[in-house]
């Protein structure tokens, strides 16, 4: 039963069980501040903008590339850049969550 006396829903029961499992494993739930939420949203927009810009640059380069070897090289550059952007984005998010 909940604090108001009503029975718990299945969702509430499952969430309670998951919280108990997290506590048993030593995982603590951290509530983000409004400033952290805002910083995460800003970081996400910046990441998405970088990815979009890089994809546009890639498409432009591919339109002028007729050599299959050069096309493969451009594809590999795109994959490397996107992986780097993802890594950097994750590092920024981790720093925000830590409060840095």
PDB file of N, CA and C in Angstrom:
ATOM      1  N   UNK A   1       0.832  -1.188   0.000  1.00  0.00           N
ATOM      2  CA  UNK A   1       0.000   0.000   0.000  1.00  0.00           C
ATOM      3  C   UNK A   1       0.871   1.243   0.000  1.00  0.00           C
ATOM      4  N   UNK A   2       0.356   2.263  -0.637  1.00  0.00           N
ATOM      5  CA  UNK A   2       1.071   3.531  -0.659  1.00  0.00           C
ATOM      6  C   UNK A   2       0.767   4.294   0.618  1.00  0.00           C
ATOM      7  N   UNK A   3       1.391   5.459   0.756  1.00  0.00           N
ATOM      8  CA  UNK A   3       1.217   6.229   1.983  1.00  0.00           C
ATOM      9  C   UNK A   3      -0.218   6.694   2.182  1.00  0.00           C
ATOM     10  N   UNK A   4      -1.006   6.784   1.103  1.00  0.00           N
ATOM     11  CA  UNK A   4      -2.398   7.206   1.262  1.00  0.00           C
ATOM     12  C   UNK A   4      -3.337   6.014   1.458  1.00  0.00           C
ATOM     13  N   UNK A   5      -2.808   4.812   1.580  1.00  0.00           N
ATOM     14  CA  UNK A   5      -3.608   3.634   1.861  1.00  0.00           C
ATOM     15  C   UNK A   5      -4.039   2.852   0.637  1.00  0.00           C
ATOM     16  N   UNK A   6      -3.807   3.391  -0.564  1.00  0.00           N
ATOM     17  CA  UNK A   6      -4.214   2.695  -1.781  1.00  0.00           C
ATOM     18  C   UNK A   6      -3.187   1.615  -2.119  1.00  0.00           C
ATOM     19  N   UNK A   7      -3.619   0.520  -2.730  1.00  0.00           N
ATOM     20  CA  UNK A   7      -2.666  -0.520  -3.113  1.00  0.00           C
ATOM     21  C   UNK A   7      -1.708   0.001  -4.189  1.00  0.00           C
ATOM     22  N   UNK A   8      -0.502  -0.559  -4.212  1.00  0.00           N
ATOM     23  CA  UNK A   8       0.505  -0.150  -5.180  1.00  0.00           C
ATOM     24  C   UNK A   8       0.210  -0.775  -6.541  1.00  0.00           C
ATOM     25  N   UNK A   9       0.522  -0.030  -7.583  1.00  0.00           N
ATOM     26  CA  UNK A   9       0.376  -0.546  -8.933  1.00  0.00           C
ATOM     27  C   UNK A   9       1.540  -1.476  -9.237  1.00  0.00           C
ATOM     28  N   UNK A  10       1.418  -2.215 -10.308  1.00  0.00           N
ATOM     29  CA  UNK A  10       2.502  -3.123 -10.706  1.00  0.00           C
ATOM     30  C   UNK A  10       3.770  -2.323 -10.978  1.00  0.00           C
ATOM     31  N   UNK A  11       3.617  -1.171 -11.593  1.00  0.00           N
ATOM     32  CA  UNK A  11       4.775  -0.327 -11.889  1.00  0.00           C
ATOM     33  C   UNK A  11       5.472   0.097 -10.602  1.00  0.00           C
ATOM     34  N   UNK A  12       4.703   0.517  -9.619  1.00  0.00           N
ATOM     35  CA  UNK A  12       5.295   0.928  -8.342  1.00  0.00           C
ATOM     36  C   UNK A  12       6.021  -0.237  -7.676  1.00  0.00           C
ATOM     37  N   UNK A  13       5.447  -1.414  -7.750  1.00  0.00           N
ATOM     38  CA  UNK A  13       6.083  -2.594  -7.165  1.00  0.00           C
ATOM     39  C   UNK A  13       7.400  -2.919  -7.857  1.00  0.00           C
ATOM     40  N   UNK A  14       7.392  -2.851  -9.176  1.00  0.00           N
ATOM     41  CA  UNK A  14       8.609  -3.140  -9.945  1.00  0.00           C
ATOM     42  C   UNK A  14       9.680  -2.094  -9.649  1.00  0.00           C
ATOM     43  N   UNK A  15       9.288  -0.822  -9.625  1.00  0.00           N
ATOM     44  CA  UNK A  15      10.258   0.238  -9.349  1.00  0.00           C
ATOM     45  C   UNK A  15      10.845   0.087  -7.946  1.00  0.00           C
ATOM     46  N   UNK A  16      10.026  -0.289  -6.980  1.00  0.00           N
ATOM     47  CA  UNK A  16      10.512  -0.505  -5.626  1.00  0.00           C
ATOM     48  C   UNK A  16      11.517  -1.653  -5.582  1.00  0.00           C
ATOM     49  N   UNK A  17      11.206  -2.728  -6.307  1.00  0.00           N
ATOM     50  CA  UNK A  17      12.111  -3.871  -6.351  1.00  0.00           C
ATOM     51  C   UNK A  17      13.443  -3.483  -7.003  1.00  0.00           C
ATOM     52  N   UNK A  18      13.384  -2.708  -8.075  1.00  0.00           N
ATOM     53  CA  UNK A  18      14.606  -2.258  -8.744  1.00  0.00           C
ATOM     54  C   UNK A  18      15.438  -1.358  -7.832  1.00  0.00           C
ATOM     55  N   UNK A  19      14.792  -0.475  -7.078  1.00  0.00           N
ATOM     56  CA  UNK A  19      15.518   0.381  -6.132  1.00  0.00           C
ATOM     57  C   UNK A  19      16.210  -0.470  -5.070  1.00  0.00           C
ATOM     58  N   UNK A  20      15.525  -1.503  -4.588  1.00  0.00           N
ATOM     59  CA  UNK A  20      16.118  -2.391  -3.588  1.00  0.00           C
ATOM     60  C   UNK A  20      17.323  -3.128  -4.163  1.00  0.00           C
ATOM     61  N   UNK A  21      17.214  -3.580  -5.416  1.00  0.00           N
ATOM     62  CA  UNK A  21      18.344  -4.259  -6.067  1.00  0.00           C
ATOM     63  C   UNK A  21      19.522  -3.305  -6.218  1.00  0.00           C
ATOM     64  N   UNK A  22      19.242  -2.058  -6.609  1.00  0.00           N
ATOM     65  CA  UNK A  22      20.304  -1.064  -6.742  1.00  0.00           C
ATOM     66  C   UNK A  22      20.989  -0.825  -5.405  1.00  0.00           C
ATOM     67  N   UNK A  23      20.198  -0.692  -4.343  1.00  0.00           N
ATOM     68  CA  UNK A  23      20.768  -0.474  -3.010  1.00  0.00           C
ATOM     69  C   UNK A  23      21.644  -1.649  -2.597  1.00  0.00           C
ATOM     70  N   UNK A  24      21.199  -2.865  -2.904  1.00  0.00           N
ATOM     71  CA  UNK A  24      21.977  -4.057  -2.550  1.00  0.00           C
ATOM     72  C   UNK A  24      23.314  -4.082  -3.296  1.00  0.00           C
ATOM     73  N   UNK A  25      23.348  -3.522  -4.504  1.00  0.00           N
ATOM     74  CA  UNK A  25      24.577  -3.499  -5.301  1.00  0.00           C
ATOM     75  C   UNK A  25      25.412  -2.251  -5.014  1.00  0.00           C
ATOM     76  N   UNK A  26      24.915  -1.390  -4.142  1.00  0.00           N
ATOM     77  CA  UNK A  26      25.664  -0.192  -3.792  1.00  0.00           C
ATOM     78  C   UNK A  26      25.483   0.954  -4.768  1.00  0.00           C
ATOM     79  N   UNK A  27      24.468   0.884  -5.596  1.00  0.00           N
ATOM     80  CA  UNK A  27      24.191   1.940  -6.567  1.00  0.00           C
ATOM     81  C   UNK A  27      23.268   2.955  -5.907  1.00  0.00           C
ATOM     82  N   UNK A  28      23.691   4.201  -5.908  1.00  0.00           N
ATOM     83  CA  UNK A  28      22.859   5.240  -5.320  1.00  0.00           C
ATOM     84  C   UNK A  28      22.251   6.097  -6.415  1.00  0.00           C
ATOM     85  N   UNK A  29      21.042   6.537  -6.181  1.00  0.00           N
ATOM     86  CA  UNK A  29      20.352   7.383  -7.138  1.00  0.00           C
ATOM     87  C   UNK A  29      20.717   8.827  -6.856  1.00  0.00           C
ATOM     88  N   UNK A  30      21.122   9.537  -7.885  1.00  0.00           N
ATOM     89  CA  UNK A  30      21.511  10.927  -7.746  1.00  0.00           C
ATOM     90  C   UNK A  30      20.498  11.781  -8.495  1.00  0.00           C
ATOM     91  N   UNK A  31      19.970  12.768  -7.814  1.00  0.00           N
ATOM     92  CA  UNK A  31      19.033  13.685  -8.445  1.00  0.00           C
ATOM     93  C   UNK A  31      19.813  14.865  -8.996  1.00  0.00           C
ATOM     94  N   UNK A  32      19.588  15.170 -10.259  1.00  0.00           N
ATOM     95  CA  UNK A  32      20.299  16.278 -10.898  1.00  0.00           C
ATOM     96  C   UNK A  32      19.652  17.598 -10.527  1.00  0.00           C
ATOM     97  N   UNK A  33      20.468  18.619 -10.426  1.00  0.00           N
ATOM     98  CA  UNK A  33      19.960  19.960 -10.173  1.00  0.00           C
ATOM     99  C   UNK A  33      19.419  20.534 -11.480  1.00  0.00           C
ATOM    100  N   UNK A  34      18.674  21.617 -11.366  1.00  0.00           N
ATOM    101  CA  UNK A  34      18.159  22.273 -12.572  1.00  0.00           C
ATOM    102  C   UNK A  34      19.309  22.761 -13.453  1.00  0.00           C
ATOM    103  N   UNK A  35      20.375  23.255 -12.819  1.00  0.00           N
ATOM    104  CA  UNK A  35      21.539  23.732 -13.578  1.00  0.00           C
ATOM    105  C   UNK A  35      22.190  22.579 -14.333  1.00  0.00           C
ATOM    106  N   UNK A  36      22.273  21.398 -13.703  1.00  0.00           N
ATOM    107  CA  UNK A  36      22.852  20.233 -14.371  1.00  0.00           C
ATOM    108  C   UNK A  36      21.974  19.791 -15.543  1.00  0.00           C
ATOM    109  N   UNK A  37      20.669  19.795 -15.339  1.00  0.00           N
ATOM    110  CA  UNK A  37      19.756  19.432 -16.439  1.00  0.00           C
ATOM    111  C   UNK A  37      19.921  20.383 -17.623  1.00  0.00           C
ATOM    112  N   UNK A  38      20.030  21.675 -17.313  1.00  0.00           N
ATOM    113  CA  UNK A  38      20.213  22.679 -18.358  1.00  0.00           C
ATOM    114  C   UNK A  38      21.543  22.470 -19.074  1.00  0.00           C
ATOM    115  N   UNK A  39      22.599  22.191 -18.321  1.00  0.00           N
ATOM    116  CA  UNK A  39      23.917  21.960 -18.918  1.00  0.00           C
ATOM    117  C   UNK A  39      23.904  20.710 -19.798  1.00  0.00           C
ATOM    118  N   UNK A  40      23.198  19.674 -19.363  1.00  0.00           N
ATOM    119  CA  UNK A  40      23.098  18.451 -20.161  1.00  0.00           C
ATOM    120  C   UNK A  40      22.347  18.726 -21.459  1.00  0.00           C
ATOM    121  N   UNK A  41      21.257  19.488 -21.374  1.00  0.00           N
ATOM    122  CA  UNK A  41      20.491  19.830 -22.576  1.00  0.00           C
ATOM    123  C   UNK A  41      21.340  20.643 -23.551  1.00  0.00           C
ATOM    124  N   UNK A  42      22.108  21.587 -23.019  1.00  0.00           N
ATOM    125  CA  UNK A  42      22.983  22.404 -23.859  1.00  0.00           C
ATOM    126  C   UNK A  42      24.064  21.545 -24.511  1.00  0.00           C
ATOM    127  N   UNK A  43      24.650  20.635 -23.726  1.00  0.00           N
ATOM    128  CA  UNK A  43      25.689  19.748 -24.264  1.00  0.00           C
ATOM    129  C   UNK A  43      25.118  18.851 -25.355  1.00  0.00           C
ATOM    130  N   UNK A  44      23.899  18.364 -25.152  1.00  0.00           N
ATOM    131  CA  UNK A  44      23.268  17.499 -26.147  1.00  0.00           C
ATOM    132  C   UNK A  44      23.027  18.258 -27.450  1.00  0.00           C
ATOM    133  N   UNK A  45      22.545  19.496 -27.350  1.00  0.00           N
ATOM    134  CA  UNK A  45      22.321  20.301 -28.548  1.00  0.00           C
ATOM    135  C   UNK A  45      23.629  20.562 -29.285  1.00  0.00           C
ATOM    136  N   UNK A  46      24.680  20.853 -28.523  1.00  0.00           N
ATOM    137  CA  UNK A  46      25.988  21.088 -29.141  1.00  0.00           C
ATOM    138  C   UNK A  46      26.513  19.849 -29.844  1.00  0.00           C
ATOM    139  N   UNK A  47      26.345  18.697 -29.196  1.00  0.00           N
ATOM    140  CA  UNK A  47      26.776  17.427 -29.791  1.00  0.00           C
ATOM    141  C   UNK A  47      26.009  17.160 -31.076  1.00  0.00           C
ATOM    142  N   UNK A  48      24.692  17.315 -31.025  1.00  0.00           N
ATOM    143  CA  UNK A  48      23.873  17.068 -32.213  1.00  0.00           C
ATOM    144  C   UNK A  48      24.238  18.014 -33.351  1.00  0.00           C
ATOM    145  N   UNK A  49      24.557  19.261 -33.019  1.00  0.00           N
ATOM    146  CA  UNK A  49      24.954  20.231 -34.043  1.00  0.00           C
ATOM    147  C   UNK A  49      26.281  19.828 -34.686  1.00  0.00           C
ATOM    148  N   UNK A  50      27.237  19.390 -33.854  1.00  0.00           N
ATOM    149  CA  UNK A  50      28.540  18.958 -34.395  1.00  0.00           C
ATOM    150  C   UNK A  50      28.363  17.761 -35.330  1.00  0.00           C
ATOM    151  N   UNK A  51      27.537  16.804 -34.922  1.00  0.00           N
ATOM    152  CA  UNK A  51      27.309  15.613 -35.740  1.00  0.00           C
ATOM    153  C   UNK A  51      26.648  16.010 -37.056  1.00  0.00           C
ATOM    154  N   UNK A  52      25.639  16.866 -36.997  1.00  0.00           N
ATOM    155  CA  UNK A  52      24.946  17.293 -38.211  1.00  0.00           C
ATOM    156  C   UNK A  52      25.896  18.025 -39.157  1.00  0.00           C
ATOM    157  N   UNK A  53      26.703  18.917 -38.598  1.00  0.00           N
ATOM    158  CA  UNK A  53      27.657  19.656 -39.423  1.00  0.00           C
ATOM    159  C   UNK A  53      28.654  18.704 -40.086  1.00  0.00           C
ATOM    160  N   UNK A  54      29.146  17.743 -39.331  1.00  0.00           N
ATOM    161  CA  UNK A  54      30.130  16.797 -39.873  1.00  0.00           C
ATOM    162  C   UNK A  54      29.514  15.933 -40.958  1.00  0.00           C
ATOM    163  N   UNK A  55      28.265  15.528 -40.774  1.00  0.00           N
ATOM    164  CA  UNK A  55      27.587  14.721 -41.796  1.00  0.00           C
ATOM    165  C   UNK A  55      27.381  15.520 -43.083  1.00  0.00           C
ATOM    166  N   UNK A  56      27.047  16.795 -42.947  1.00  0.00           N
ATOM    167  CA  UNK A  56      26.886  17.647 -44.127  1.00  0.00           C
ATOM    168  C   UNK A  56      28.212  17.794 -44.853  1.00  0.00           C
ATOM    169  N   UNK A  57      29.276  18.022 -44.096  1.00  0.00           N
ATOM    170  CA  UNK A  57      30.598  18.126 -44.715  1.00  0.00           C
ATOM    171  C   UNK A  57      30.961  16.827 -45.425  1.00  0.00           C
ATOM    172  N   UNK A  58      30.617  15.702 -44.812  1.00  0.00           N
ATOM    173  CA  UNK A  58      30.905  14.401 -45.420  1.00  0.00           C
ATOM    174  C   UNK A  58      30.135  14.233 -46.732  1.00  0.00           C
ATOM    175  N   UNK A  59      28.857  14.581 -46.707  1.00  0.00           N
ATOM    176  CA  UNK A  59      28.052  14.451 -47.932  1.00  0.00           C
ATOM    177  C   UNK A  59      28.606  15.328 -49.051  1.00  0.00           C
ATOM    178  N   UNK A  60      29.031  16.530 -48.709  1.00  0.00           N
ATOM    179  CA  UNK A  60      29.608  17.434 -49.699  1.00  0.00           C
ATOM    180  C   UNK A  60      30.887  16.841 -50.280  1.00  0.00           C
ATOM    181  N   UNK A  61      31.729  16.291 -49.408  1.00  0.00           N
ATOM    182  CA  UNK A  61      32.982  15.692 -49.879  1.00  0.00           C
ATOM    183  C   UNK A  61      32.706  14.473 -50.746  1.00  0.00           C
ATOM    184  N   UNK A  62      31.696  13.693 -50.386  1.00  0.00           N
ATOM    185  CA  UNK A  62      31.385  12.479 -51.159  1.00  0.00           C
ATOM    186  C   UNK A  62      30.849  12.815 -52.547  1.00  0.00           C
ATOM    187  N   UNK A  63      30.170  13.945 -52.689  1.00  0.00           N
ATOM    188  CA  UNK A  63      29.643  14.324 -54.004  1.00  0.00           C
ATOM    189  C   UNK A  63      30.757  14.646 -54.993  1.00  0.00           C
ATOM    190  N   UNK A  64      31.898  15.065 -54.469  1.00  0.00           N
ATOM    191  CA  UNK A  64      32.997  15.420 -55.369  1.00  0.00           C
ATOM    192  C   UNK A  64      34.069  14.331 -55.423  1.00  0.00           C
ATOM    193  N   UNK A  65      33.809  13.189 -54.811  1.00  0.00           N
ATOM    194  CA  UNK A  65      34.779  12.094 -54.786  1.00  0.00           C
ATOM    195  C   UNK A  65      34.320  10.992 -55.735  1.00  0.00           C
ATOM    196  N   UNK A  66      35.172  10.684 -56.710  1.00  0.00           N
ATOM    197  CA  UNK A  66      34.842   9.643 -57.669  1.00  0.00           C
ATOM    198  C   UNK A  66      35.724   8.413 -57.519  1.00  0.00           C
ATOM    199  N   UNK A  67      36.803   8.556 -56.785  1.00  0.00           N
ATOM    200  CA  UNK A  67      37.734   7.455 -56.557  1.00  0.00           C
ATOM    201  C   UNK A  67      37.218   6.587 -55.409  1.00  0.00           C
ATOM    202  N   UNK A  68      37.018   5.283 -55.642  1.00  0.00           N
ATOM    203  CA  UNK A  68      36.517   4.409 -54.566  1.00  0.00           C
ATOM    204  C   UNK A  68      37.433   4.378 -53.342  1.00  0.00           C
ATOM    205  N   UNK A  69      38.717   4.455 -53.546  1.00  0.00           N
ATOM    206  CA  UNK A  69      39.659   4.466 -52.426  1.00  0.00           C
ATOM    207  C   UNK A  69      39.498   5.722 -51.587  1.00  0.00           C
ATOM    208  N   UNK A  70      39.339   6.844 -52.252  1.00  0.00           N
ATOM    209  CA  UNK A  70      39.150   8.107 -51.538  1.00  0.00           C
ATOM    210  C   UNK A  70      37.805   8.103 -50.812  1.00  0.00           C
ATOM    211  N   UNK A  71      36.788   7.497 -51.420  1.00  0.00           N
ATOM    212  CA  UNK A  71      35.472   7.413 -50.779  1.00  0.00           C
ATOM    213  C   UNK A  71      35.556   6.586 -49.500  1.00  0.00           C
ATOM    214  N   UNK A  72      36.288   5.483 -49.548  1.00  0.00           N
ATOM    215  CA  UNK A  72      36.461   4.661 -48.347  1.00  0.00           C
ATOM    216  C   UNK A  72      37.202   5.431 -47.262  1.00  0.00           C
ATOM    217  N   UNK A  73      38.187   6.209 -47.679  1.00  0.00           N
ATOM    218  CA  UNK A  73      38.942   7.008 -46.724  1.00  0.00           C
ATOM    219  C   UNK A  73      38.036   8.053 -46.065  1.00  0.00           C
ATOM    220  N   UNK A  74      37.181   8.691 -46.860  1.00  0.00           N
ATOM    221  CA  UNK A  74      36.236   9.678 -46.315  1.00  0.00           C
ATOM    222  C   UNK A  74      35.259   9.019 -45.338  1.00  0.00           C
ATOM    223  N   UNK A  75      34.802   7.814 -45.649  1.00  0.00           N
ATOM    224  CA  UNK A  75      33.892   7.077 -44.759  1.00  0.00           C
ATOM    225  C   UNK A  75      34.574   6.778 -43.429  1.00  0.00           C
ATOM    226  N   UNK A  76      35.836   6.375 -43.496  1.00  0.00           N
ATOM    227  CA  UNK A  76      36.583   6.068 -42.275  1.00  0.00           C
ATOM    228  C   UNK A  76      36.793   7.337 -41.443  1.00  0.00           C
ATOM    229  N   UNK A  77      37.077   8.454 -42.104  1.00  0.00           N
ATOM    230  CA  UNK A  77      37.225   9.724 -41.392  1.00  0.00           C
ATOM    231  C   UNK A  77      35.926  10.084 -40.669  1.00  0.00           C
ATOM    232  N   UNK A  78      34.809   9.887 -41.345  1.00  0.00           N
ATOM    233  CA  UNK A  78      33.514  10.172 -40.734  1.00  0.00           C
ATOM    234  C   UNK A  78      33.300   9.300 -39.499  1.00  0.00           C
ATOM    235  N   UNK A  79      33.566   8.010 -39.611  1.00  0.00           N
ATOM    236  CA  UNK A  79      33.398   7.109 -38.468  1.00  0.00           C
ATOM    237  C   UNK A  79      34.287   7.519 -37.291  1.00  0.00           C
ATOM    238  N   UNK A  80      35.534   7.871 -37.589  1.00  0.00           N
ATOM    239  CA  UNK A  80      36.447   8.303 -36.520  1.00  0.00           C
ATOM    240  C   UNK A  80      35.957   9.576 -35.845  1.00  0.00           C
ATOM    241  N   UNK A  81      35.537  10.545 -36.667  1.00  0.00           N
ATOM    242  CA  UNK A  81      35.061  11.809 -36.111  1.00  0.00           C
ATOM    243  C   UNK A  81      33.810  11.608 -35.254  1.00  0.00           C
ATOM    244  N   UNK A  82      32.865  10.810 -35.743  1.00  0.00           N
ATOM    245  CA  UNK A  82      31.639  10.577 -34.974  1.00  0.00           C
ATOM    246  C   UNK A  82      31.934   9.847 -33.671  1.00  0.00           C
ATOM    247  N   UNK A  83      32.868   8.909 -33.698  1.00  0.00           N
ATOM    248  CA  UNK A  83      33.254   8.199 -32.476  1.00  0.00           C
ATOM    249  C   UNK A  83      33.916   9.169 -31.489  1.00  0.00           C
ATOM    250  N   UNK A  84      34.746  10.075 -32.000  1.00  0.00           N
ATOM    251  CA  UNK A  84      35.393  11.068 -31.139  1.00  0.00           C
ATOM    252  C   UNK A  84      34.363  12.010 -30.538  1.00  0.00           C
ATOM    253  N   UNK A  85      33.412  12.470 -31.361  1.00  0.00           N
ATOM    254  CA  UNK A  85      32.357  13.346 -30.857  1.00  0.00           C
ATOM    255  C   UNK A  85      31.580  12.649 -29.736  1.00  0.00           C
ATOM    256  N   UNK A  86      31.276  11.380 -29.934  1.00  0.00           N
ATOM    257  CA  UNK A  86      30.529  10.609 -28.930  1.00  0.00           C
ATOM    258  C   UNK A  86      31.330  10.501 -27.626  1.00  0.00           C
ATOM    259  N   UNK A  87      32.616  10.185 -27.750  1.00  0.00           N
ATOM    260  CA  UNK A  87      33.487  10.083 -26.568  1.00  0.00           C
ATOM    261  C   UNK A  87      33.535  11.406 -25.809  1.00  0.00           C
ATOM    262  N   UNK A  88      33.752  12.481 -26.536  1.00  0.00           N
ATOM    263  CA  UNK A  88      33.831  13.794 -25.914  1.00  0.00           C
ATOM    264  C   UNK A  88      32.512  14.168 -25.248  1.00  0.00           C
ATOM    265  N   UNK A  89      31.406  13.839 -25.905  1.00  0.00           N
ATOM    266  CA  UNK A  89      30.079  14.130 -25.354  1.00  0.00           C
ATOM    267  C   UNK A  89      29.861  13.370 -24.048  1.00  0.00           C
ATOM    268  N   UNK A  90      30.224  12.102 -24.027  1.00  0.00           N
ATOM    269  CA  UNK A  90      30.077  11.295 -22.816  1.00  0.00           C
ATOM    270  C   UNK A  90      30.942  11.842 -21.680  1.00  0.00           C
ATOM    271  N   UNK A  91      32.145  12.316 -22.014  1.00  0.00           N
ATOM    272  CA  UNK A  91      33.020  12.901 -20.991  1.00  0.00           C
ATOM    273  C   UNK A  91      32.413  14.172 -20.415  1.00  0.00           C
ATOM    274  N   UNK A  92      31.830  15.003 -21.273  1.00  0.00           N
ATOM    275  CA  UNK A  92      31.188  16.233 -20.813  1.00  0.00           C
ATOM    276  C   UNK A  92      30.003  15.894 -19.908  1.00  0.00           C
ATOM    277  N   UNK A  93      29.180  14.921 -20.317  1.00  0.00           N
ATOM    278  CA  UNK A  93      28.030  14.535 -19.499  1.00  0.00           C
ATOM    279  C   UNK A  93      28.461  13.992 -18.143  1.00  0.00           C
ATOM    280  N   UNK A  94      29.512  13.194 -18.135  1.00  0.00           N
ATOM    281  CA  UNK A  94      30.009  12.642 -16.868  1.00  0.00           C
ATOM    282  C   UNK A  94      30.492  13.769 -15.955  1.00  0.00           C
ATOM    283  N   UNK A  95      31.182  14.752 -16.515  1.00  0.00           N
ATOM    284  CA  UNK A  95      31.664  15.887 -15.714  1.00  0.00           C
ATOM    285  C   UNK A  95      30.492  16.689 -15.155  1.00  0.00           C
ATOM    286  N   UNK A  96      29.465  16.888 -15.949  1.00  0.00           N
ATOM    287  CA  UNK A  96      28.294  17.624 -15.474  1.00  0.00           C
ATOM    288  C   UNK A  96      27.630  16.859 -14.335  1.00  0.00           C
ATOM    289  N   UNK A  97      27.494  15.555 -14.500  1.00  0.00           N
ATOM    290  CA  UNK A  97      26.854  14.753 -13.453  1.00  0.00           C
ATOM    291  C   UNK A  97      27.661  14.744 -12.164  1.00  0.00           C
ATOM    292  N   UNK A  98      28.988  14.829 -12.281  1.00  0.00           N
ATOM    293  CA  UNK A  98      29.851  14.878 -11.091  1.00  0.00           C
ATOM    294  C   UNK A  98      29.836  16.255 -10.443  1.00  0.00           C
ATOM    295  N   UNK A  99      29.278  17.235 -11.154  1.00  0.00           N
ATOM    296  CA  UNK A  99      29.208  18.593 -10.620  1.00  0.00           C
ATOM    297  C   UNK A  99      30.397  19.436 -10.937  1.00  0.00           C
ATOM    298  N   UNK A 100      31.150  19.058 -11.929  1.00  0.00           N
ATOM    299  CA  UNK A 100      32.352  19.821 -12.315  1.00  0.00           C
ATOM    300  C   UNK A 100      32.003  20.939 -13.271  1.00  0.00           C
TER     301      UNK A 100
END
